[in-house]
Amino acid sequence: MAALDDLAQTVGMSGKRSAGLLLYRAGAAGTEVLIGHMGGPFWARRTTAAWSIPKGEYGPREAPLDAARREFEEELGHPPPEGHREPLGEARQSGGKTVTVWAVEGDFDPEPAVPGTFTMEWPRGSGVPREFPEIDRVGWFCLARAEELLVSGQRVFLGRLALYIESRDDDCHR
């Protein structure tokens, strides 16, 4: 129990933690990634820096990769594709949250995605709870377009993905 308490204290010192899966595939214009537009009233009219890798928070008793798989399914309504999970490391977002991401090569049809929901008081101060989708739309984007769309704290994962793909492809040509 002391080890879990130590881990909880460490996580608490560094802020909240999230884990996610960044799906990628070869597209006509190069590598494409699957990202989702954040739902709810704060993001409704925004496009740039309003998209996210499917991810979510986890506590000290859940392994980050397990959380990433769970969150993918919760946010998109379908389990993630099977395949090798390439660790892309961690990044700290401006709000203090540390995000850990794995890349997974695979395909996913965004059309039948059924996003999870969250409840919040809206309008603020009204006392009226309303339900909103966690992600209100999902799409495949080339890396350059995804970089414009993603929140700034997650853009680093696109560069790491590109380096991974480049190194993997170089290994195939040796």
Protein backbone atom coordinates (compact mmCIF):
# COMPACT_ATOMS: atom_id res chain seq x y z
CA MET A 1 0.00 0.00 0.00
CA ALA A 2 2.90 2.35 0.71
CA ALA A 3 4.07 1.97 -2.90
CA LEU A 4 0.64 2.99 -4.20
CA ASP A 5 0.60 5.95 -1.83
CA ASP A 6 4.05 6.98 -3.10
CA LEU A 7 2.83 6.68 -6.69
CA ALA A 8 -0.31 8.68 -5.92
CA GLN A 9 1.81 11.39 -4.31
CA THR A 10 4.11 11.51 -7.35
CA VAL A 11 1.14 11.74 -9.72
CA GLY A 12 -0.43 14.39 -7.51
CA MET A 13 2.76 16.45 -7.57
CA SER A 14 2.84 16.48 -11.35
CA GLY A 15 -0.89 17.09 -11.92
CA LYS A 16 -3.44 14.97 -13.70
CA ARG A 17 -2.43 12.25 -16.12
CA SER A 18 -4.08 11.13 -19.37
CA ALA A 19 -3.29 8.34 -21.80
CA GLY A 20 -4.34 7.87 -25.40
CA LEU A 21 -3.91 6.03 -28.68
CA LEU A 22 -2.98 7.85 -31.87
CA LEU A 23 -4.22 5.79 -34.80
CA TYR A 24 -2.34 6.26 -38.06
CA ARG A 25 -2.52 4.90 -41.59
CA ALA A 26 -0.98 5.47 -45.00
CA GLY A 27 -3.12 7.89 -46.98
CA ALA A 28 -2.99 9.27 -50.51
CA ALA A 29 -1.07 12.35 -49.28
CA GLY A 30 1.13 10.46 -46.79
CA THR A 31 0.52 9.50 -43.19
CA GLU A 32 -2.91 10.31 -41.76
CA VAL A 33 -3.96 10.33 -38.10
CA LEU A 34 -7.35 9.92 -36.46
CA ILE A 35 -8.29 12.77 -34.12
CA GLY A 36 -11.52 14.04 -32.59
CA HIS A 37 -13.04 17.49 -32.18
CA MET A 38 -13.69 18.14 -28.48
CA GLY A 39 -17.36 18.31 -27.59
CA GLY A 40 -19.26 20.70 -25.39
CA PRO A 41 -20.04 24.39 -25.53
CA PHE A 42 -16.48 25.67 -25.03
CA TRP A 43 -15.24 24.06 -28.27
CA ALA A 44 -18.39 24.28 -30.42
CA ARG A 45 -17.30 27.22 -32.60
CA ARG A 46 -13.59 26.48 -32.65
CA THR A 47 -11.65 24.48 -35.20
CA THR A 48 -7.98 25.34 -34.82
CA ALA A 49 -6.46 23.90 -31.63
CA ALA A 50 -9.79 22.28 -30.70
CA TRP A 51 -9.09 18.67 -31.65
CA SER A 52 -7.53 15.94 -29.54
CA ILE A 53 -6.02 12.50 -29.65
CA PRO A 54 -8.61 10.08 -28.17
CA LYS A 55 -7.42 10.00 -24.56
CA GLY A 56 -8.55 10.35 -21.00
CA GLU A 57 -7.53 10.56 -17.39
CA TYR A 58 -6.49 7.63 -15.26
CA GLY A 59 -5.60 7.11 -11.63
CA PRO A 60 -2.63 5.54 -9.89
CA ARG A 61 -4.20 2.07 -9.87
CA GLU A 62 -4.61 1.83 -13.66
CA ALA A 63 -1.79 1.18 -16.11
CA PRO A 64 -1.48 3.98 -18.68
CA LEU A 65 -1.77 1.65 -21.69
CA ASP A 66 -4.91 0.05 -20.23
CA ALA A 67 -6.34 3.54 -19.76
CA ALA A 68 -5.46 4.46 -23.35
CA ARG A 69 -7.35 1.43 -24.69
CA ARG A 70 -10.32 2.08 -22.38
CA GLU A 71 -10.51 5.76 -23.29
CA PHE A 72 -10.37 5.03 -27.04
CA GLU A 73 -13.39 2.78 -26.67
CA GLU A 74 -15.23 5.20 -24.36
CA GLU A 75 -14.64 8.20 -26.62
CA LEU A 76 -15.35 6.49 -29.95
CA GLY A 77 -17.73 3.70 -28.97
CA HIS A 78 -15.58 0.97 -30.51
CA PRO A 79 -12.50 -0.91 -29.32
CA PRO A 80 -9.18 0.21 -30.79
CA PRO A 81 -7.64 -1.83 -33.61
CA GLU A 82 -5.25 -4.56 -32.59
CA GLY A 83 -1.60 -4.13 -33.39
CA HIS A 84 1.73 -2.99 -32.10
CA ARG A 85 1.51 -0.05 -29.71
CA GLU A 86 4.55 2.16 -30.25
CA PRO A 87 5.23 4.40 -27.25
CA LEU A 88 5.45 8.07 -28.24
CA GLY A 89 6.29 9.15 -24.70
CA GLU A 90 4.83 11.89 -22.56
CA ALA A 91 4.14 15.60 -22.95
CA ARG A 92 3.00 18.13 -20.41
CA GLN A 93 0.14 20.34 -21.55
CA SER A 94 -0.16 24.00 -20.59
CA GLY A 95 -2.81 23.22 -17.96
CA GLY A 96 -0.36 20.92 -16.17
CA LYS A 97 -1.78 17.59 -17.34
CA THR A 98 0.77 15.00 -18.48
CA VAL A 99 -0.35 13.04 -21.54
CA THR A 100 1.13 9.66 -22.54
CA VAL A 101 0.45 8.41 -26.07
CA TRP A 102 1.00 5.24 -28.09
CA ALA A 103 0.83 5.06 -31.88
CA VAL A 104 -1.14 2.21 -33.46
CA GLU A 105 -1.24 1.53 -37.17
CA GLY A 106 -4.73 0.64 -38.26
CA ASP A 107 -7.91 1.76 -39.88
CA PHE A 108 -11.12 2.99 -38.32
CA ASP A 109 -14.30 4.17 -39.96
CA PRO A 110 -15.26 7.38 -38.12
CA GLU A 111 -18.84 7.29 -39.46
CA PRO A 112 -20.26 4.81 -36.92
CA ALA A 113 -18.33 6.31 -33.97
CA VAL A 114 -20.55 6.66 -30.91
CA PRO A 115 -18.85 9.10 -28.55
CA GLY A 116 -19.14 8.94 -24.80
CA THR A 117 -20.79 11.85 -23.00
CA PHE A 118 -20.20 14.08 -20.00
CA THR A 119 -22.57 16.19 -17.94
CA MET A 120 -22.01 19.79 -16.93
CA GLU A 121 -24.08 22.73 -15.83
CA TRP A 122 -24.92 24.83 -18.88
CA PRO A 123 -25.33 27.67 -19.18
CA ARG A 124 -22.94 28.24 -16.32
CA GLY A 125 -24.77 29.32 -13.19
CA SER A 126 -28.15 28.10 -14.48
CA GLY A 127 -28.35 25.03 -12.27
CA VAL A 128 -29.35 23.01 -15.34
CA PRO A 129 -27.23 19.92 -16.00
CA ARG A 130 -26.79 19.11 -19.71
CA GLU A 131 -25.15 16.20 -21.44
CA PHE A 132 -22.57 16.73 -24.19
CA PRO A 133 -20.50 14.35 -26.34
CA GLU A 134 -16.85 14.04 -25.31
CA ILE A 135 -15.97 14.20 -29.00
CA ASP A 136 -18.52 15.62 -31.46
CA ARG A 137 -16.79 14.57 -34.69
CA VAL A 138 -13.88 12.37 -35.72
CA GLY A 139 -11.74 12.44 -38.81
CA TRP A 140 -8.57 11.37 -40.57
CA PHE A 141 -6.09 14.17 -41.34
CA CYS A 142 -2.63 14.38 -42.87
CA LEU A 143 0.07 15.31 -40.36
CA ALA A 144 0.30 18.95 -41.48
CA ARG A 145 -3.45 19.53 -41.12
CA ALA A 146 -3.61 17.61 -37.85
CA GLU A 147 -0.90 19.88 -36.46
CA GLU A 148 -3.14 22.91 -37.07
CA LEU A 149 -6.16 21.23 -35.53
CA LEU A 150 -4.70 19.59 -32.42
CA VAL A 151 -4.42 21.42 -29.12
CA SER A 152 -0.85 22.70 -28.87
CA GLY A 153 0.21 20.35 -26.05
CA GLN A 154 -0.43 17.28 -28.22
CA ARG A 155 1.31 18.39 -31.42
CA VAL A 156 4.63 16.96 -30.25
CA PHE A 157 3.23 13.46 -30.75
CA LEU A 158 2.86 14.05 -34.50
CA GLY A 159 6.59 14.74 -34.82
CA ARG A 160 7.42 11.69 -32.75
CA LEU A 161 5.11 9.58 -34.93
CA ALA A 162 6.79 10.88 -38.10
CA LEU A 163 10.24 9.99 -36.68
CA TYR A 164 9.04 6.51 -35.73
CA ILE A 165 7.58 5.86 -39.19
CA GLU A 166 10.74 7.20 -40.86
CA SER A 167 13.01 4.99 -38.73
CA ARG A 168 10.79 1.95 -39.29
CA ASP A 169 10.79 2.53 -43.05
CA ASP A 170 14.57 3.01 -43.05
CA ASP A 171 14.96 -0.36 -41.30
CA CYS A 172 12.91 -2.01 -44.07
CA HIS A 173 15.25 -0.69 -46.78
CA ARG A 174 18.51 -1.89 -45.23
